[in-house]
Amino acid sequence: MNRKKAEQWLSMALDGELSARRRARLDAYLAAHPELDDLRNDWQAIGDRYRAAMPPCPQTPEAAWHDVRRAIRVQGDLPHGEIVTFQDRMKWAGALAAAFLVMMGAWLLVQSPDPGRVGTIAAADRTEVEWVETDLPDAMSMVYEDAETGLTVIWVLVHENGEEDGHAG
């Protein structure tokens, strides 16, 4: 065992988190290295001071909440003795979310080229297709503009075994 590992285990032992087997190994290491006794004594004294300064812990969760509420009332940082609850915070969060959604909707309406068709594909510059090339043998192509969306559609018709089978390309 090296000194760093011994210090880690010493800390765990002082917190009561070290197994009996590791505790025995640590005790053997500490017996061979008495210079760590000062470190152990210092850490033990620090822990004793912190434990002495801590107030006793209430026995039940209800008692703990009672102490927390009383400390908030006594502290008096809130105006008129009001306590901000989770529900109050949720009301504010909901109001902010609604305002954000309204602003986003207004922004989308401003950005849309046609305010009546929010959410559709924005009008782009018109593209003209002069020809379509395909590596498929005996294929026929058709190019047209869809009247509803304004998109250019390229349709490739492939003949297999004398039958037509349409494939969009």
C-alpha atoms as a PDB file:
ATOM      1  CA  MET A   1       0.000   0.000   0.000  1.00  0.00           C
ATOM      2  CA  ASN A   2       1.299   3.496  -0.757  1.00  0.00           C
ATOM      3  CA  ARG A   3       0.807   6.670   1.290  1.00  0.00           C
ATOM      4  CA  LYS A   4      -1.913   8.084  -0.971  1.00  0.00           C
ATOM      5  CA  LYS A   5      -4.000   4.907  -0.656  1.00  0.00           C
ATOM      6  CA  ALA A   6      -3.403   4.882   3.118  1.00  0.00           C
ATOM      7  CA  GLU A   7      -4.686   8.481   3.380  1.00  0.00           C
ATOM      8  CA  GLN A   8      -7.814   7.588   1.374  1.00  0.00           C
ATOM      9  CA  TRP A   9      -8.494   4.585   3.582  1.00  0.00           C
ATOM     10  CA  LEU A  10      -7.780   6.623   6.715  1.00  0.00           C
ATOM     11  CA  SER A  11     -10.419   9.156   5.673  1.00  0.00           C
ATOM     12  CA  MET A  12     -12.888   6.346   4.997  1.00  0.00           C
ATOM     13  CA  ALA A  13     -12.086   4.749   8.363  1.00  0.00           C
ATOM     14  CA  LEU A  14     -12.732   8.010  10.216  1.00  0.00           C
ATOM     15  CA  ASP A  15     -16.108   8.260   8.444  1.00  0.00           C
ATOM     16  CA  GLY A  16     -16.923   4.649   9.349  1.00  0.00           C
ATOM     17  CA  GLU A  17     -16.959   3.557   5.695  1.00  0.00           C
ATOM     18  CA  LEU A  18     -14.024   1.111   5.688  1.00  0.00           C
ATOM     19  CA  SER A  19     -14.587  -2.638   5.749  1.00  0.00           C
ATOM     20  CA  ALA A  20     -13.072  -4.732   8.554  1.00  0.00           C
ATOM     21  CA  ARG A  21     -10.613  -6.405   6.168  1.00  0.00           C
ATOM     22  CA  ARG A  22      -9.329  -3.065   4.844  1.00  0.00           C
ATOM     23  CA  ARG A  23      -9.301  -1.637   8.357  1.00  0.00           C
ATOM     24  CA  ALA A  24      -6.916  -4.419   9.413  1.00  0.00           C
ATOM     25  CA  ARG A  25      -4.617  -3.672   6.439  1.00  0.00           C
ATOM     26  CA  LEU A  26      -4.716   0.041   7.271  1.00  0.00           C
ATOM     27  CA  ASP A  27      -3.867  -0.598  10.940  1.00  0.00           C
ATOM     28  CA  ALA A  28      -0.871  -2.698   9.857  1.00  0.00           C
ATOM     29  CA  TYR A  29       0.302   0.108   7.543  1.00  0.00           C
ATOM     30  CA  LEU A  30      -0.171   2.736  10.266  1.00  0.00           C
ATOM     31  CA  ALA A  31       1.853   0.605  12.707  1.00  0.00           C
ATOM     32  CA  ALA A  32       4.723   0.541  10.201  1.00  0.00           C
ATOM     33  CA  HIS A  33       4.405   4.279   9.444  1.00  0.00           C
ATOM     34  CA  PRO A  34       3.924   6.198  12.711  1.00  0.00           C
ATOM     35  CA  GLU A  35       4.284   9.563  10.896  1.00  0.00           C
ATOM     36  CA  LEU A  36       0.642   9.166   9.809  1.00  0.00           C
ATOM     37  CA  ASP A  37      -0.519   9.253  13.454  1.00  0.00           C
ATOM     38  CA  ASP A  38      -0.330  13.070  13.420  1.00  0.00           C
ATOM     39  CA  LEU A  39      -2.462  13.187  10.273  1.00  0.00           C
ATOM     40  CA  ARG A  40      -5.011  10.828  11.817  1.00  0.00           C
ATOM     41  CA  ASN A  41      -5.158  12.905  15.017  1.00  0.00           C
ATOM     42  CA  ASP A  42      -5.555  16.167  13.039  1.00  0.00           C
ATOM     43  CA  TRP A  43      -8.376  14.740  10.909  1.00  0.00           C
ATOM     44  CA  GLN A  44     -10.066  13.273  13.978  1.00  0.00           C
ATOM     45  CA  ALA A  45      -9.926  16.664  15.759  1.00  0.00           C
ATOM     46  CA  ILE A  46     -11.400  18.448  12.726  1.00  0.00           C
ATOM     47  CA  GLY A  47     -14.232  15.947  12.557  1.00  0.00           C
ATOM     48  CA  ASP A  48     -14.905  16.290  16.292  1.00  0.00           C
ATOM     49  CA  ARG A  49     -15.107  20.105  15.973  1.00  0.00           C
ATOM     50  CA  TYR A  50     -17.574  19.890  13.066  1.00  0.00           C
ATOM     51  CA  ARG A  51     -19.751  17.348  14.835  1.00  0.00           C
ATOM     52  CA  ALA A  52     -19.804  19.487  17.995  1.00  0.00           C
ATOM     53  CA  ALA A  53     -20.827  22.596  16.010  1.00  0.00           C
ATOM     54  CA  MET A  54     -23.691  20.882  14.165  1.00  0.00           C
ATOM     55  CA  PRO A  55     -27.167  21.149  15.667  1.00  0.00           C
ATOM     56  CA  PRO A  56     -28.881  17.864  16.449  1.00  0.00           C
ATOM     57  CA  CYS A  57     -30.758  16.376  13.532  1.00  0.00           C
ATOM     58  CA  PRO A  58     -34.569  16.119  13.928  1.00  0.00           C
ATOM     59  CA  GLN A  59     -35.909  12.634  14.211  1.00  0.00           C
ATOM     60  CA  THR A  60     -38.570  12.810  11.469  1.00  0.00           C
ATOM     61  CA  PRO A  61     -38.838  14.465   8.030  1.00  0.00           C
ATOM     62  CA  GLU A  62     -41.908  16.366   9.236  1.00  0.00           C
ATOM     63  CA  ALA A  63     -39.878  17.899  12.054  1.00  0.00           C
ATOM     64  CA  ALA A  64     -37.158  18.864   9.571  1.00  0.00           C
ATOM     65  CA  TRP A  65     -39.687  20.664   7.325  1.00  0.00           C
ATOM     66  CA  HIS A  66     -41.123  22.402  10.369  1.00  0.00           C
ATOM     67  CA  ASP A  67     -37.641  23.674  11.248  1.00  0.00           C
ATOM     68  CA  VAL A  68     -37.047  24.852   7.676  1.00  0.00           C
ATOM     69  CA  ARG A  69     -40.354  26.763   7.527  1.00  0.00           C
ATOM     70  CA  ARG A  70     -39.710  28.317  10.926  1.00  0.00           C
ATOM     71  CA  ALA A  71     -36.199  29.404   9.869  1.00  0.00           C
ATOM     72  CA  ILE A  72     -37.643  31.072   6.755  1.00  0.00           C
ATOM     73  CA  ARG A  73     -40.265  32.941   8.809  1.00  0.00           C
ATOM     74  CA  VAL A  74     -37.695  34.013  11.388  1.00  0.00           C
ATOM     75  CA  GLN A  75     -35.207  35.138   8.766  1.00  0.00           C
ATOM     76  CA  GLY A  76     -37.782  37.571   7.335  1.00  0.00           C
ATOM     77  CA  ASP A  77     -36.029  38.224   3.997  1.00  0.00           C
ATOM     78  CA  LEU A  78     -39.318  38.029   2.084  1.00  0.00           C
ATOM     79  CA  PRO A  79     -41.579  41.100   1.865  1.00  0.00           C
ATOM     80  CA  HIS A  80     -44.660  41.115   4.129  1.00  0.00           C
ATOM     81  CA  GLY A  81     -43.766  37.667   5.461  1.00  0.00           C
ATOM     82  CA  GLU A  82     -44.830  35.995   2.201  1.00  0.00           C
ATOM     83  CA  ILE A  83     -43.285  32.696   1.235  1.00  0.00           C
ATOM     84  CA  VAL A  84     -42.712  32.030  -2.469  1.00  0.00           C
ATOM     85  CA  THR A  85     -44.056  28.567  -3.192  1.00  0.00           C
ATOM     86  CA  PHE A  86     -43.369  26.161  -6.013  1.00  0.00           C
ATOM     87  CA  GLN A  87     -46.821  26.930  -7.447  1.00  0.00           C
ATOM     88  CA  ASP A  88     -45.991  30.647  -7.581  1.00  0.00           C
ATOM     89  CA  ARG A  89     -42.812  29.915  -9.477  1.00  0.00           C
ATOM     90  CA  MET A  90     -44.689  27.641 -11.888  1.00  0.00           C
ATOM     91  CA  LYS A  91     -47.196  30.432 -12.595  1.00  0.00           C
ATOM     92  CA  TRP A  92     -44.347  32.730 -13.565  1.00  0.00           C
ATOM     93  CA  ALA A  93     -42.702  30.015 -15.639  1.00  0.00           C
ATOM     94  CA  GLY A  94     -45.983  29.336 -17.458  1.00  0.00           C
ATOM     95  CA  ALA A  95     -46.483  33.039 -18.168  1.00  0.00           C
ATOM     96  CA  LEU A  96     -42.956  33.324 -19.539  1.00  0.00           C
ATOM     97  CA  ALA A  97     -43.419  30.219 -21.706  1.00  0.00           C
ATOM     98  CA  ALA A  98     -46.701  31.589 -23.109  1.00  0.00           C
ATOM     99  CA  ALA A  99     -45.057  34.945 -23.896  1.00  0.00           C
ATOM    100  CA  PHE A 100     -42.202  33.126 -25.625  1.00  0.00           C
ATOM    101  CA  LEU A 101     -44.617  31.084 -27.746  1.00  0.00           C
ATOM    102  CA  VAL A 102     -46.552  34.209 -28.758  1.00  0.00           C
ATOM    103  CA  MET A 103     -43.326  35.948 -29.762  1.00  0.00           C
ATOM    104  CA  MET A 104     -42.172  32.913 -31.769  1.00  0.00           C
ATOM    105  CA  GLY A 105     -45.534  32.743 -33.553  1.00  0.00           C
ATOM    106  CA  ALA A 106     -45.331  36.432 -34.433  1.00  0.00           C
ATOM    107  CA  TRP A 107     -41.781  35.970 -35.677  1.00  0.00           C
ATOM    108  CA  LEU A 108     -42.838  33.029 -37.873  1.00  0.00           C
ATOM    109  CA  LEU A 109     -45.658  35.082 -39.350  1.00  0.00           C
ATOM    110  CA  VAL A 110     -43.261  37.893 -40.171  1.00  0.00           C
ATOM    111  CA  GLN A 111     -40.761  35.478 -41.725  1.00  0.00           C
ATOM    112  CA  SER A 112     -43.343  33.647 -43.880  1.00  0.00           C
ATOM    113  CA  PRO A 113     -43.639  34.930 -47.470  1.00  0.00           C
ATOM    114  CA  ASP A 114     -47.356  34.086 -47.424  1.00  0.00           C
ATOM    115  CA  PRO A 115     -48.838  34.644 -43.925  1.00  0.00           C
ATOM    116  CA  GLY A 116     -51.806  32.432 -44.800  1.00  0.00           C
ATOM    117  CA  ARG A 117     -49.506  29.425 -45.338  1.00  0.00           C
ATOM    118  CA  VAL A 118     -47.331  29.300 -42.230  1.00  0.00           C
ATOM    119  CA  GLY A 119     -45.313  26.105 -42.044  1.00  0.00           C
ATOM    120  CA  THR A 120     -45.115  25.472 -45.792  1.00  0.00           C
ATOM    121  CA  ILE A 121     -41.932  25.438 -47.789  1.00  0.00           C
ATOM    122  CA  ALA A 122     -40.737  28.966 -48.378  1.00  0.00           C
ATOM    123  CA  ALA A 123     -40.889  30.150 -51.964  1.00  0.00           C
ATOM    124  CA  ALA A 124     -37.490  29.775 -53.575  1.00  0.00           C
ATOM    125  CA  ASP A 125     -36.174  31.064 -56.842  1.00  0.00           C
ATOM    126  CA  ARG A 126     -37.709  29.166 -59.724  1.00  0.00           C
ATOM    127  CA  THR A 127     -35.498  26.394 -61.051  1.00  0.00           C
ATOM    128  CA  GLU A 128     -35.641  25.420 -64.676  1.00  0.00           C
ATOM    129  CA  VAL A 129     -34.614  21.892 -65.647  1.00  0.00           C
ATOM    130  CA  GLU A 130     -33.355  21.585 -69.212  1.00  0.00           C
ATOM    131  CA  TRP A 131     -32.805  17.816 -69.289  1.00  0.00           C
ATOM    132  CA  VAL A 132     -32.600  14.743 -67.080  1.00  0.00           C
ATOM    133  CA  GLU A 133     -29.943  12.099 -67.423  1.00  0.00           C
ATOM    134  CA  THR A 134     -30.194   8.593 -65.981  1.00  0.00           C
ATOM    135  CA  ASP A 135     -28.045   5.471 -66.154  1.00  0.00           C
ATOM    136  CA  LEU A 136     -31.094   3.216 -66.282  1.00  0.00           C
ATOM    137  CA  PRO A 137     -31.540   1.513 -69.692  1.00  0.00           C
ATOM    138  CA  ASP A 138     -34.767   2.253 -71.585  1.00  0.00           C
ATOM    139  CA  ALA A 139     -35.823   4.870 -69.045  1.00  0.00           C
ATOM    140  CA  MET A 140     -38.089   7.786 -69.847  1.00  0.00           C
ATOM    141  CA  SER A 141     -38.125  10.956 -67.772  1.00  0.00           C
ATOM    142  CA  MET A 142     -40.754  13.573 -67.152  1.00  0.00           C
ATOM    143  CA  VAL A 143     -40.255  16.965 -65.511  1.00  0.00           C
ATOM    144  CA  TYR A 144     -43.082  19.126 -64.250  1.00  0.00           C
ATOM    145  CA  GLU A 145     -43.874  21.729 -61.622  1.00  0.00           C
ATOM    146  CA  ASP A 146     -46.378  20.776 -58.945  1.00  0.00           C
ATOM    147  CA  ALA A 147     -49.068  23.470 -58.937  1.00  0.00           C
ATOM    148  CA  GLU A 148     -49.871  23.113 -55.218  1.00  0.00           C
ATOM    149  CA  THR A 149     -46.348  23.329 -53.784  1.00  0.00           C
ATOM    150  CA  GLY A 150     -44.449  24.942 -56.655  1.00  0.00           C
ATOM    151  CA  LEU A 151     -41.802  22.212 -56.471  1.00  0.00           C
ATOM    152  CA  THR A 152     -40.090  20.807 -59.560  1.00  0.00           C
ATOM    153  CA  VAL A 153     -40.798  17.066 -59.851  1.00  0.00           C
ATOM    154  CA  ILE A 154     -38.653  14.681 -61.891  1.00  0.00           C
ATOM    155  CA  TRP A 155     -40.298  11.341 -62.691  1.00  0.00           C
ATOM    156  CA  VAL A 156     -38.285   8.501 -64.243  1.00  0.00           C
ATOM    157  CA  LEU A 157     -40.198   5.697 -65.955  1.00  0.00           C
ATOM    158  CA  VAL A 158     -38.328   2.395 -66.312  1.00  0.00           C
ATOM    159  CA  HIS A 159     -39.380  -0.439 -68.617  1.00  0.00           C
ATOM    160  CA  GLU A 160     -38.603  -3.885 -67.227  1.00  0.00           C
ATOM    161  CA  ASN A 161     -39.544  -7.016 -69.161  1.00  0.00           C
ATOM    162  CA  GLY A 162     -41.815  -5.036 -71.397  1.00  0.00           C
ATOM    163  CA  GLU A 163     -43.794  -3.621 -68.439  1.00  0.00           C
ATOM    164  CA  GLU A 164     -43.690  -0.082 -67.150  1.00  0.00           C
ATOM    165  CA  ASP A 165     -42.649   0.463 -63.573  1.00  0.00           C
ATOM    166  CA  GLY A 166     -42.527   4.068 -62.318  1.00  0.00           C
ATOM    167  CA  HIS A 167     -39.659   5.186 -60.104  1.00  0.00           C
ATOM    168  CA  ALA A 168     -39.316   8.659 -58.700  1.00  0.00           C
ATOM    169  CA  GLY A 169     -35.816   9.964 -59.045  1.00  0.00           C
END
